[in-house]
């Protein structure tokens, strides 16, 4: 009986220890100016998978799809590929336009968007069929100065953060302007929080803001030096975490001193704005403007 009790205790201890171990998580990373897309082990920070990008293939949006494929925008178009590097489909952007957005929607379809005259937002099936297309003229001459990551809100409208005008515009599927929120810097992306507000990355404003887009109100701002031990450069994609924190892509392409400043290319902060994980390795990793967790 004593032996059985000892074995039972050992099994319970092993179960508890295993349950308390940090869940293995992978991160899909990409960035403008980097010549590859990679998947890393978050704990070891080692690259486990990579896909090369050709020169000029600016990638500011990369995401893992629910079925395990990789969807990414590369300025000249958007591709869906398998993990063994096989292309499933490719949607090209017209000459003079820049495909900058590629994301998975809650309904399982994909959202693509290119800058141009006019800009175009498309919803696409996993098979590559274009389900809808919305054209919108931003009024911004240079396509590269228009947007990077377009999002879709619960009302079914598109949130378009615009570099040149420092705005987030809400556009209907019919291509009509619904609302404009003036912010600062070069707004890069918007992401919905649990409380209904959005976190907006303000790019060269070296900041991020929690914003009530319905009212056009800024709730709070995290500035360039508001996170202990870190300087924010170009704030690119933001992604909420399960502990009320955020992943912050700290892209360093517009400041020549950034690489020598010993600031992370990517960080995770908790709900108190404390850095709890970071990636700071310019020898191994390029500039990071896109992040996607893979459980």
C-alpha atoms as a PDB file:
ATOM      1  CA  UNK A   1       0.000   0.000   0.000  1.00  0.00           C
ATOM      2  CA  UNK A   2       2.857   2.367   0.875  1.00  0.00           C
ATOM      3  CA  UNK A   3       4.461   1.696  -2.533  1.00  0.00           C
ATOM      4  CA  UNK A   4       1.190   2.435  -4.342  1.00  0.00           C
ATOM      5  CA  UNK A   5       0.796   5.672  -2.378  1.00  0.00           C
ATOM      6  CA  UNK A   6       4.336   6.731  -3.286  1.00  0.00           C
ATOM      7  CA  UNK A   7       3.743   6.013  -6.952  1.00  0.00           C
ATOM      8  CA  UNK A   8       0.470   7.950  -6.860  1.00  0.00           C
ATOM      9  CA  UNK A   9       2.141  10.958  -5.261  1.00  0.00           C
ATOM     10  CA  UNK A  10       4.905  10.837  -7.838  1.00  0.00           C
ATOM     11  CA  UNK A  11       2.377  10.765 -10.672  1.00  0.00           C
ATOM     12  CA  UNK A  12       0.467  13.710  -9.206  1.00  0.00           C
ATOM     13  CA  UNK A  13       3.692  15.680  -8.805  1.00  0.00           C
ATOM     14  CA  UNK A  14       4.673  14.974 -12.392  1.00  0.00           C
ATOM     15  CA  UNK A  15       1.236  16.041 -13.627  1.00  0.00           C
ATOM     16  CA  UNK A  16       1.369  19.276 -11.635  1.00  0.00           C
ATOM     17  CA  UNK A  17       4.888  20.070 -12.800  1.00  0.00           C
ATOM     18  CA  UNK A  18       3.972  19.416 -16.427  1.00  0.00           C
ATOM     19  CA  UNK A  19       0.818  21.524 -16.164  1.00  0.00           C
ATOM     20  CA  UNK A  20       2.793  24.442 -14.751  1.00  0.00           C
ATOM     21  CA  UNK A  21       5.413  24.466 -17.473  1.00  0.00           C
ATOM     22  CA  UNK A  22       5.231  27.378 -19.901  1.00  0.00           C
ATOM     23  CA  UNK A  23       3.223  26.416 -22.923  1.00  0.00           C
ATOM     24  CA  UNK A  24       5.423  26.081 -25.968  1.00  0.00           C
ATOM     25  CA  UNK A  25       4.595  28.900 -28.352  1.00  0.00           C
ATOM     26  CA  UNK A  26       5.863  29.872 -31.758  1.00  0.00           C
ATOM     27  CA  UNK A  27       5.940  33.347 -33.274  1.00  0.00           C
ATOM     28  CA  UNK A  28       5.674  34.148 -36.967  1.00  0.00           C
ATOM     29  CA  UNK A  29       7.771  37.255 -37.674  1.00  0.00           C
ATOM     30  CA  UNK A  30       8.320  39.480 -40.693  1.00  0.00           C
ATOM     31  CA  UNK A  31       9.312  43.038 -41.406  1.00  0.00           C
ATOM     32  CA  UNK A  32       9.901  45.680 -44.018  1.00  0.00           C
ATOM     33  CA  UNK A  33      13.536  45.491 -45.097  1.00  0.00           C
ATOM     34  CA  UNK A  34      14.036  41.900 -43.899  1.00  0.00           C
ATOM     35  CA  UNK A  35      14.700  39.282 -46.571  1.00  0.00           C
ATOM     36  CA  UNK A  36      12.728  36.466 -44.986  1.00  0.00           C
ATOM     37  CA  UNK A  37       9.702  35.420 -42.956  1.00  0.00           C
ATOM     38  CA  UNK A  38      10.486  33.212 -39.952  1.00  0.00           C
ATOM     39  CA  UNK A  39       8.875  31.116 -37.255  1.00  0.00           C
ATOM     40  CA  UNK A  40      10.734  31.087 -33.942  1.00  0.00           C
ATOM     41  CA  UNK A  41      10.354  29.204 -30.692  1.00  0.00           C
ATOM     42  CA  UNK A  42       9.422  31.942 -28.246  1.00  0.00           C
ATOM     43  CA  UNK A  43      11.247  30.336 -25.324  1.00  0.00           C
ATOM     44  CA  UNK A  44      14.548  29.574 -27.061  1.00  0.00           C
ATOM     45  CA  UNK A  45      14.342  32.415 -29.644  1.00  0.00           C
ATOM     46  CA  UNK A  46      15.656  30.002 -32.245  1.00  0.00           C
ATOM     47  CA  UNK A  47      14.483  30.090 -35.868  1.00  0.00           C
ATOM     48  CA  UNK A  48      12.621  26.869 -36.710  1.00  0.00           C
ATOM     49  CA  UNK A  49      11.264  27.750 -40.171  1.00  0.00           C
ATOM     50  CA  UNK A  50      11.938  30.428 -42.747  1.00  0.00           C
ATOM     51  CA  UNK A  51      10.754  31.519 -46.164  1.00  0.00           C
ATOM     52  CA  UNK A  52      12.994  33.728 -48.316  1.00  0.00           C
ATOM     53  CA  UNK A  53      11.753  36.969 -49.834  1.00  0.00           C
ATOM     54  CA  UNK A  54      13.051  38.508 -53.024  1.00  0.00           C
ATOM     55  CA  UNK A  55      14.641  41.950 -53.032  1.00  0.00           C
ATOM     56  CA  UNK A  56      11.916  44.593 -52.993  1.00  0.00           C
ATOM     57  CA  UNK A  57       9.316  42.271 -51.469  1.00  0.00           C
ATOM     58  CA  UNK A  58       8.377  44.523 -48.582  1.00  0.00           C
ATOM     59  CA  UNK A  59       6.466  42.386 -46.066  1.00  0.00           C
ATOM     60  CA  UNK A  60       4.483  44.219 -43.385  1.00  0.00           C
ATOM     61  CA  UNK A  61       1.765  41.597 -42.849  1.00  0.00           C
ATOM     62  CA  UNK A  62       2.269  37.874 -42.244  1.00  0.00           C
ATOM     63  CA  UNK A  63      -0.107  35.511 -40.476  1.00  0.00           C
ATOM     64  CA  UNK A  64      -0.557  31.802 -39.854  1.00  0.00           C
ATOM     65  CA  UNK A  65      -3.937  30.565 -41.076  1.00  0.00           C
ATOM     66  CA  UNK A  66      -6.117  28.189 -39.010  1.00  0.00           C
ATOM     67  CA  UNK A  67      -5.129  25.257 -41.255  1.00  0.00           C
ATOM     68  CA  UNK A  68      -1.419  25.891 -40.746  1.00  0.00           C
ATOM     69  CA  UNK A  69      -0.512  27.744 -43.931  1.00  0.00           C
ATOM     70  CA  UNK A  70       1.240  31.113 -44.143  1.00  0.00           C
ATOM     71  CA  UNK A  71      -0.443  34.170 -45.659  1.00  0.00           C
ATOM     72  CA  UNK A  72       1.640  37.258 -46.348  1.00  0.00           C
ATOM     73  CA  UNK A  73       1.646  40.525 -48.282  1.00  0.00           C
ATOM     74  CA  UNK A  74       4.810  41.443 -50.161  1.00  0.00           C
ATOM     75  CA  UNK A  75       4.065  44.836 -51.807  1.00  0.00           C
ATOM     76  CA  UNK A  76       3.724  43.321 -55.290  1.00  0.00           C
ATOM     77  CA  UNK A  77       0.959  40.991 -54.133  1.00  0.00           C
ATOM     78  CA  UNK A  78      -0.173  38.532 -51.477  1.00  0.00           C
ATOM     79  CA  UNK A  79       0.577  34.823 -51.276  1.00  0.00           C
ATOM     80  CA  UNK A  80      -0.681  31.788 -49.433  1.00  0.00           C
ATOM     81  CA  UNK A  81       2.001  29.120 -49.026  1.00  0.00           C
ATOM     82  CA  UNK A  82       2.353  25.835 -47.175  1.00  0.00           C
ATOM     83  CA  UNK A  83       5.001  25.140 -44.535  1.00  0.00           C
ATOM     84  CA  UNK A  84       6.951  23.159 -47.140  1.00  0.00           C
ATOM     85  CA  UNK A  85       7.242  26.301 -49.307  1.00  0.00           C
ATOM     86  CA  UNK A  86       4.589  25.399 -51.899  1.00  0.00           C
ATOM     87  CA  UNK A  87       2.531  28.254 -53.303  1.00  0.00           C
ATOM     88  CA  UNK A  88      -1.243  27.718 -53.048  1.00  0.00           C
ATOM     89  CA  UNK A  89      -2.210  30.995 -54.676  1.00  0.00           C
ATOM     90  CA  UNK A  90      -0.895  34.461 -55.447  1.00  0.00           C
ATOM     91  CA  UNK A  91      -2.907  37.648 -55.960  1.00  0.00           C
ATOM     92  CA  UNK A  92      -0.844  40.348 -57.668  1.00  0.00           C
ATOM     93  CA  UNK A  93      -1.198  44.077 -57.060  1.00  0.00           C
ATOM     94  CA  UNK A  94      -1.411  46.290 -60.160  1.00  0.00           C
ATOM     95  CA  UNK A  95       1.691  48.137 -61.327  1.00  0.00           C
ATOM     96  CA  UNK A  96       2.278  51.185 -59.129  1.00  0.00           C
ATOM     97  CA  UNK A  97       0.225  49.771 -56.234  1.00  0.00           C
ATOM     98  CA  UNK A  98       1.492  48.189 -52.995  1.00  0.00           C
ATOM     99  CA  UNK A  99      -0.162  45.203 -51.321  1.00  0.00           C
ATOM    100  CA  UNK A 100       0.374  45.913 -47.626  1.00  0.00           C
ATOM    101  CA  UNK A 101      -2.367  44.057 -45.731  1.00  0.00           C
ATOM    102  CA  UNK A 102      -2.907  40.313 -45.349  1.00  0.00           C
ATOM    103  CA  UNK A 103      -4.851  39.012 -42.367  1.00  0.00           C
ATOM    104  CA  UNK A 104      -7.308  36.316 -41.299  1.00  0.00           C
ATOM    105  CA  UNK A 105     -10.846  37.454 -40.506  1.00  0.00           C
ATOM    106  CA  UNK A 106     -12.976  35.947 -37.708  1.00  0.00           C
ATOM    107  CA  UNK A 107     -15.161  34.160 -40.280  1.00  0.00           C
ATOM    108  CA  UNK A 108     -12.135  32.304 -41.670  1.00  0.00           C
ATOM    109  CA  UNK A 109     -11.788  34.362 -44.834  1.00  0.00           C
ATOM    110  CA  UNK A 110      -8.839  36.639 -45.506  1.00  0.00           C
ATOM    111  CA  UNK A 111      -8.521  40.414 -45.758  1.00  0.00           C
ATOM    112  CA  UNK A 112      -6.125  41.868 -48.344  1.00  0.00           C
ATOM    113  CA  UNK A 113      -5.544  45.521 -49.193  1.00  0.00           C
ATOM    114  CA  UNK A 114      -3.331  47.426 -51.566  1.00  0.00           C
ATOM    115  CA  UNK A 115      -2.406  51.103 -51.655  1.00  0.00           C
ATOM    116  CA  UNK A 116      -2.956  52.938 -54.923  1.00  0.00           C
ATOM    117  CA  UNK A 117      -5.365  55.097 -56.902  1.00  0.00           C
ATOM    118  CA  UNK A 118      -7.779  53.935 -55.842  1.00  0.00           C
ATOM    119  CA  UNK A 119      -6.775  51.808 -52.872  1.00  0.00           C
ATOM    120  CA  UNK A 120      -8.567  48.475 -52.764  1.00  0.00           C
ATOM    121  CA  UNK A 121      -9.684  46.276 -49.841  1.00  0.00           C
ATOM    122  CA  UNK A 122     -10.635  42.680 -50.668  1.00  0.00           C
ATOM    123  CA  UNK A 123     -12.110  39.771 -48.772  1.00  0.00           C
ATOM    124  CA  UNK A 124     -10.762  36.505 -50.124  1.00  0.00           C
ATOM    125  CA  UNK A 125     -11.642  32.857 -49.451  1.00  0.00           C
ATOM    126  CA  UNK A 126      -8.969  30.384 -48.322  1.00  0.00           C
ATOM    127  CA  UNK A 127      -9.076  29.025 -51.896  1.00  0.00           C
ATOM    128  CA  UNK A 128      -8.093  32.442 -53.261  1.00  0.00           C
ATOM    129  CA  UNK A 129     -11.508  33.476 -54.596  1.00  0.00           C
ATOM    130  CA  UNK A 130     -12.180  37.228 -54.277  1.00  0.00           C
ATOM    131  CA  UNK A 131     -15.482  37.493 -52.415  1.00  0.00           C
ATOM    132  CA  UNK A 132     -15.770  41.287 -52.253  1.00  0.00           C
ATOM    133  CA  UNK A 133     -13.791  44.343 -53.260  1.00  0.00           C
ATOM    134  CA  UNK A 134     -13.991  47.903 -51.923  1.00  0.00           C
ATOM    135  CA  UNK A 135     -12.298  50.785 -53.721  1.00  0.00           C
ATOM    136  CA  UNK A 136     -11.460  53.986 -51.870  1.00  0.00           C
ATOM    137  CA  UNK A 137      -9.534  57.083 -52.913  1.00  0.00           C
ATOM    138  CA  UNK A 138      -7.408  58.221 -49.949  1.00  0.00           C
ATOM    139  CA  UNK A 139      -6.403  61.539 -51.497  1.00  0.00           C
ATOM    140  CA  UNK A 140      -2.755  60.735 -50.717  1.00  0.00           C
ATOM    141  CA  UNK A 141      -0.613  60.985 -53.844  1.00  0.00           C
ATOM    142  CA  UNK A 142       2.168  58.492 -53.091  1.00  0.00           C
ATOM    143  CA  UNK A 143       0.854  54.942 -52.500  1.00  0.00           C
ATOM    144  CA  UNK A 144       3.727  54.222 -50.070  1.00  0.00           C
ATOM    145  CA  UNK A 145       2.441  57.043 -47.837  1.00  0.00           C
ATOM    146  CA  UNK A 146      -1.057  55.593 -47.555  1.00  0.00           C
ATOM    147  CA  UNK A 147      -1.396  52.595 -45.188  1.00  0.00           C
ATOM    148  CA  UNK A 148       0.062  49.308 -43.961  1.00  0.00           C
ATOM    149  CA  UNK A 149      -2.430  47.171 -41.979  1.00  0.00           C
ATOM    150  CA  UNK A 150      -6.132  47.635 -42.666  1.00  0.00           C
ATOM    151  CA  UNK A 151      -8.570  45.990 -40.244  1.00  0.00           C
ATOM    152  CA  UNK A 152     -12.286  45.206 -40.187  1.00  0.00           C
ATOM    153  CA  UNK A 153     -14.524  46.209 -37.274  1.00  0.00           C
ATOM    154  CA  UNK A 154     -17.616  44.501 -35.870  1.00  0.00           C
ATOM    155  CA  UNK A 155     -19.872  46.809 -37.877  1.00  0.00           C
ATOM    156  CA  UNK A 156     -18.399  45.340 -41.050  1.00  0.00           C
ATOM    157  CA  UNK A 157     -16.503  48.501 -41.997  1.00  0.00           C
ATOM    158  CA  UNK A 158     -12.784  48.801 -42.702  1.00  0.00           C
ATOM    159  CA  UNK A 159     -10.384  50.694 -40.447  1.00  0.00           C
ATOM    160  CA  UNK A 160      -7.703  52.322 -42.586  1.00  0.00           C
ATOM    161  CA  UNK A 161      -4.808  53.944 -40.674  1.00  0.00           C
ATOM    162  CA  UNK A 162      -3.196  56.553 -42.913  1.00  0.00           C
ATOM    163  CA  UNK A 163       0.433  57.639 -42.728  1.00  0.00           C
ATOM    164  CA  UNK A 164       0.337  60.985 -44.534  1.00  0.00           C
ATOM    165  CA  UNK A 165      -2.703  62.421 -42.733  1.00  0.00           C
ATOM    166  CA  UNK A 166      -2.161  60.878 -39.237  1.00  0.00           C
ATOM    167  CA  UNK A 167      -5.713  59.536 -39.303  1.00  0.00           C
ATOM    168  CA  UNK A 168      -7.724  56.369 -38.884  1.00  0.00           C
ATOM    169  CA  UNK A 169     -10.586  56.394 -41.378  1.00  0.00           C
ATOM    170  CA  UNK A 170     -13.575  54.065 -41.176  1.00  0.00           C
ATOM    171  CA  UNK A 171     -14.680  53.033 -44.664  1.00  0.00           C
ATOM    172  CA  UNK A 172     -17.894  51.190 -45.532  1.00  0.00           C
ATOM    173  CA  UNK A 173     -17.895  48.177 -47.904  1.00  0.00           C
ATOM    174  CA  UNK A 174     -19.415  50.560 -50.476  1.00  0.00           C
ATOM    175  CA  UNK A 175     -16.272  52.709 -50.277  1.00  0.00           C
ATOM    176  CA  UNK A 176     -17.903  55.567 -48.369  1.00  0.00           C
ATOM    177  CA  UNK A 177     -16.195  57.462 -45.536  1.00  0.00           C
ATOM    178  CA  UNK A 178     -17.997  56.771 -42.249  1.00  0.00           C
ATOM    179  CA  UNK A 179     -15.744  58.440 -39.708  1.00  0.00           C
ATOM    180  CA  UNK A 180     -12.279  60.012 -39.333  1.00  0.00           C
ATOM    181  CA  UNK A 181     -10.198  60.023 -36.146  1.00  0.00           C
ATOM    182  CA  UNK A 182      -7.177  62.339 -36.080  1.00  0.00           C
ATOM    183  CA  UNK A 183      -4.211  61.019 -34.115  1.00  0.00           C
ATOM    184  CA  UNK A 184      -0.440  61.569 -34.382  1.00  0.00           C
ATOM    185  CA  UNK A 185       2.576  60.219 -36.203  1.00  0.00           C
ATOM    186  CA  UNK A 186       2.035  57.673 -38.974  1.00  0.00           C
ATOM    187  CA  UNK A 187      -0.732  55.298 -37.818  1.00  0.00           C
ATOM    188  CA  UNK A 188       0.255  51.753 -38.786  1.00  0.00           C
ATOM    189  CA  UNK A 189      -2.336  49.370 -37.363  1.00  0.00           C
ATOM    190  CA  UNK A 190      -5.424  49.084 -35.170  1.00  0.00           C
ATOM    191  CA  UNK A 191      -6.312  46.185 -32.914  1.00  0.00           C
ATOM    192  CA  UNK A 192      -9.490  45.621 -30.900  1.00  0.00           C
ATOM    193  CA  UNK A 193      -9.257  45.324 -27.114  1.00  0.00           C
ATOM    194  CA  UNK A 194     -11.653  43.426 -24.838  1.00  0.00           C
ATOM    195  CA  UNK A 195     -13.199  46.702 -23.631  1.00  0.00           C
ATOM    196  CA  UNK A 196     -14.211  47.722 -27.152  1.00  0.00           C
ATOM    197  CA  UNK A 197     -11.500  50.317 -27.621  1.00  0.00           C
ATOM    198  CA  UNK A 198      -8.627  49.989 -30.081  1.00  0.00           C
ATOM    199  CA  UNK A 199      -4.896  50.153 -29.630  1.00  0.00           C
ATOM    200  CA  UNK A 200      -3.392  52.153 -32.467  1.00  0.00           C
ATOM    201  CA  UNK A 201       0.294  51.963 -33.386  1.00  0.00           C
ATOM    202  CA  UNK A 202       1.425  55.463 -34.325  1.00  0.00           C
ATOM    203  CA  UNK A 203       4.553  54.589 -36.303  1.00  0.00           C
ATOM    204  CA  UNK A 204       6.999  57.495 -36.417  1.00  0.00           C
ATOM    205  CA  UNK A 205       5.060  59.156 -33.607  1.00  0.00           C
ATOM    206  CA  UNK A 206       7.086  56.730 -31.416  1.00  0.00           C
ATOM    207  CA  UNK A 207       3.912  55.938 -29.528  1.00  0.00           C
ATOM    208  CA  UNK A 208       0.818  53.794 -29.219  1.00  0.00           C
ATOM    209  CA  UNK A 209      -2.619  54.896 -28.087  1.00  0.00           C
ATOM    210  CA  UNK A 210      -5.764  53.356 -26.707  1.00  0.00           C
ATOM    211  CA  UNK A 211      -8.565  55.038 -28.643  1.00  0.00           C
ATOM    212  CA  UNK A 212     -12.350  54.985 -28.541  1.00  0.00           C
ATOM    213  CA  UNK A 213     -12.884  55.197 -32.298  1.00  0.00           C
ATOM    214  CA  UNK A 214     -16.643  55.614 -31.925  1.00  0.00           C
ATOM    215  CA  UNK A 215     -16.139  58.880 -30.027  1.00  0.00           C
ATOM    216  CA  UNK A 216     -12.745  59.817 -31.466  1.00  0.00           C
ATOM    217  CA  UNK A 217     -11.264  59.978 -27.954  1.00  0.00           C
ATOM    218  CA  UNK A 218      -7.750  59.043 -26.871  1.00  0.00           C
ATOM    219  CA  UNK A 219      -8.018  57.096 -23.603  1.00  0.00           C
ATOM    220  CA  UNK A 220      -4.304  56.706 -22.910  1.00  0.00           C
ATOM    221  CA  UNK A 221      -0.951  57.032 -24.632  1.00  0.00           C
ATOM    222  CA  UNK A 222       2.334  55.167 -24.251  1.00  0.00           C
ATOM    223  CA  UNK A 223       5.111  57.441 -25.448  1.00  0.00           C
ATOM    224  CA  UNK A 224       8.671  56.893 -26.610  1.00  0.00           C
ATOM    225  CA  UNK A 225      10.166  56.536 -23.115  1.00  0.00           C
ATOM    226  CA  UNK A 226       7.139  55.419 -21.073  1.00  0.00           C
ATOM    227  CA  UNK A 227       8.191  51.750 -20.956  1.00  0.00           C
ATOM    228  CA  UNK A 228      11.044  51.215 -18.492  1.00  0.00           C
ATOM    229  CA  UNK A 229      14.353  50.397 -20.147  1.00  0.00           C
ATOM    230  CA  UNK A 230      13.023  50.759 -23.698  1.00  0.00           C
ATOM    231  CA  UNK A 231      12.906  53.464 -26.349  1.00  0.00           C
ATOM    232  CA  UNK A 232      10.171  53.223 -28.938  1.00  0.00           C
ATOM    233  CA  UNK A 233      11.177  53.870 -32.524  1.00  0.00           C
ATOM    234  CA  UNK A 234       8.685  53.257 -35.337  1.00  0.00           C
ATOM    235  CA  UNK A 235       5.788  51.487 -33.577  1.00  0.00           C
ATOM    236  CA  UNK A 236       4.444  48.907 -36.033  1.00  0.00           C
ATOM    237  CA  UNK A 237       2.043  46.017 -35.408  1.00  0.00           C
ATOM    238  CA  UNK A 238       0.475  45.605 -31.970  1.00  0.00           C
ATOM    239  CA  UNK A 239      -1.153  42.395 -30.766  1.00  0.00           C
ATOM    240  CA  UNK A 240      -2.985  41.848 -27.446  1.00  0.00           C
ATOM    241  CA  UNK A 241      -1.928  38.950 -25.224  1.00  0.00           C
ATOM    242  CA  UNK A 242      -3.935  36.822 -22.787  1.00  0.00           C
ATOM    243  CA  UNK A 243      -2.567  38.696 -19.737  1.00  0.00           C
ATOM    244  CA  UNK A 244      -3.924  42.111 -20.815  1.00  0.00           C
ATOM    245  CA  UNK A 245      -0.559  42.927 -22.307  1.00  0.00           C
ATOM    246  CA  UNK A 246       0.686  43.564 -25.825  1.00  0.00           C
ATOM    247  CA  UNK A 247       3.243  42.498 -28.346  1.00  0.00           C
ATOM    248  CA  UNK A 248       4.890  45.611 -29.787  1.00  0.00           C
ATOM    249  CA  UNK A 249       6.872  45.568 -33.015  1.00  0.00           C
ATOM    250  CA  UNK A 250       9.575  48.214 -32.537  1.00  0.00           C
ATOM    251  CA  UNK A 251      10.667  48.656 -36.173  1.00  0.00           C
ATOM    252  CA  UNK A 252      14.012  50.433 -36.419  1.00  0.00           C
ATOM    253  CA  UNK A 253      14.334  51.377 -40.083  1.00  0.00           C
ATOM    254  CA  UNK A 254      13.945  55.158 -39.918  1.00  0.00           C
ATOM    255  CA  UNK A 255      16.566  55.938 -37.250  1.00  0.00           C
ATOM    256  CA  UNK A 256      20.248  55.286 -38.091  1.00  0.00           C
ATOM    257  CA  UNK A 257      21.124  55.086 -34.384  1.00  0.00           C
ATOM    258  CA  UNK A 258      18.469  52.474 -33.551  1.00  0.00           C
ATOM    259  CA  UNK A 259      20.608  49.358 -33.995  1.00  0.00           C
ATOM    260  CA  UNK A 260      23.322  50.737 -31.713  1.00  0.00           C
ATOM    261  CA  UNK A 261      20.818  51.789 -29.051  1.00  0.00           C
ATOM    262  CA  UNK A 262      20.322  48.243 -27.678  1.00  0.00           C
ATOM    263  CA  UNK A 263      16.538  48.397 -27.874  1.00  0.00           C
ATOM    264  CA  UNK A 264      14.418  45.342 -28.710  1.00  0.00           C
ATOM    265  CA  UNK A 265      13.035  44.741 -32.178  1.00  0.00           C
ATOM    266  CA  UNK A 266      10.023  43.048 -30.593  1.00  0.00           C
ATOM    267  CA  UNK A 267       8.736  43.058 -27.034  1.00  0.00           C
ATOM    268  CA  UNK A 268       5.868  41.800 -24.912  1.00  0.00           C
ATOM    269  CA  UNK A 269       4.568  44.014 -22.121  1.00  0.00           C
ATOM    270  CA  UNK A 270       2.126  43.121 -19.365  1.00  0.00           C
ATOM    271  CA  UNK A 271      -0.890  45.121 -18.234  1.00  0.00           C
ATOM    272  CA  UNK A 272       1.399  47.395 -16.203  1.00  0.00           C
ATOM    273  CA  UNK A 273       3.550  48.252 -19.228  1.00  0.00           C
ATOM    274  CA  UNK A 274       6.462  46.169 -17.944  1.00  0.00           C
ATOM    275  CA  UNK A 275       8.565  44.256 -20.458  1.00  0.00           C
ATOM    276  CA  UNK A 276       8.207  40.521 -19.731  1.00  0.00           C
ATOM    277  CA  UNK A 277       9.789  39.195 -22.945  1.00  0.00           C
ATOM    278  CA  UNK A 278      11.807  40.714 -25.749  1.00  0.00           C
ATOM    279  CA  UNK A 279      13.796  39.937 -28.871  1.00  0.00           C
ATOM    280  CA  UNK A 280      16.962  41.994 -29.314  1.00  0.00           C
ATOM    281  CA  UNK A 281      19.303  40.326 -31.799  1.00  0.00           C
ATOM    282  CA  UNK A 282      20.184  42.287 -34.921  1.00  0.00           C
ATOM    283  CA  UNK A 283      22.681  39.641 -35.989  1.00  0.00           C
ATOM    284  CA  UNK A 284      20.001  36.949 -36.367  1.00  0.00           C
ATOM    285  CA  UNK A 285      16.840  38.942 -37.011  1.00  0.00           C
ATOM    286  CA  UNK A 286      15.975  41.791 -39.320  1.00  0.00           C
ATOM    287  CA  UNK A 287      13.659  44.690 -38.617  1.00  0.00           C
ATOM    288  CA  UNK A 288      10.296  43.411 -37.354  1.00  0.00           C
ATOM    289  CA  UNK A 289       6.971  45.036 -38.231  1.00  0.00           C
ATOM    290  CA  UNK A 290       4.656  41.994 -38.128  1.00  0.00           C
ATOM    291  CA  UNK A 291       4.049  39.355 -35.439  1.00  0.00           C
ATOM    292  CA  UNK A 292       1.631  36.424 -35.210  1.00  0.00           C
ATOM    293  CA  UNK A 293       1.596  33.892 -32.331  1.00  0.00           C
ATOM    294  CA  UNK A 294       1.196  30.221 -33.269  1.00  0.00           C
ATOM    295  CA  UNK A 295       0.070  27.949 -30.426  1.00  0.00           C
END
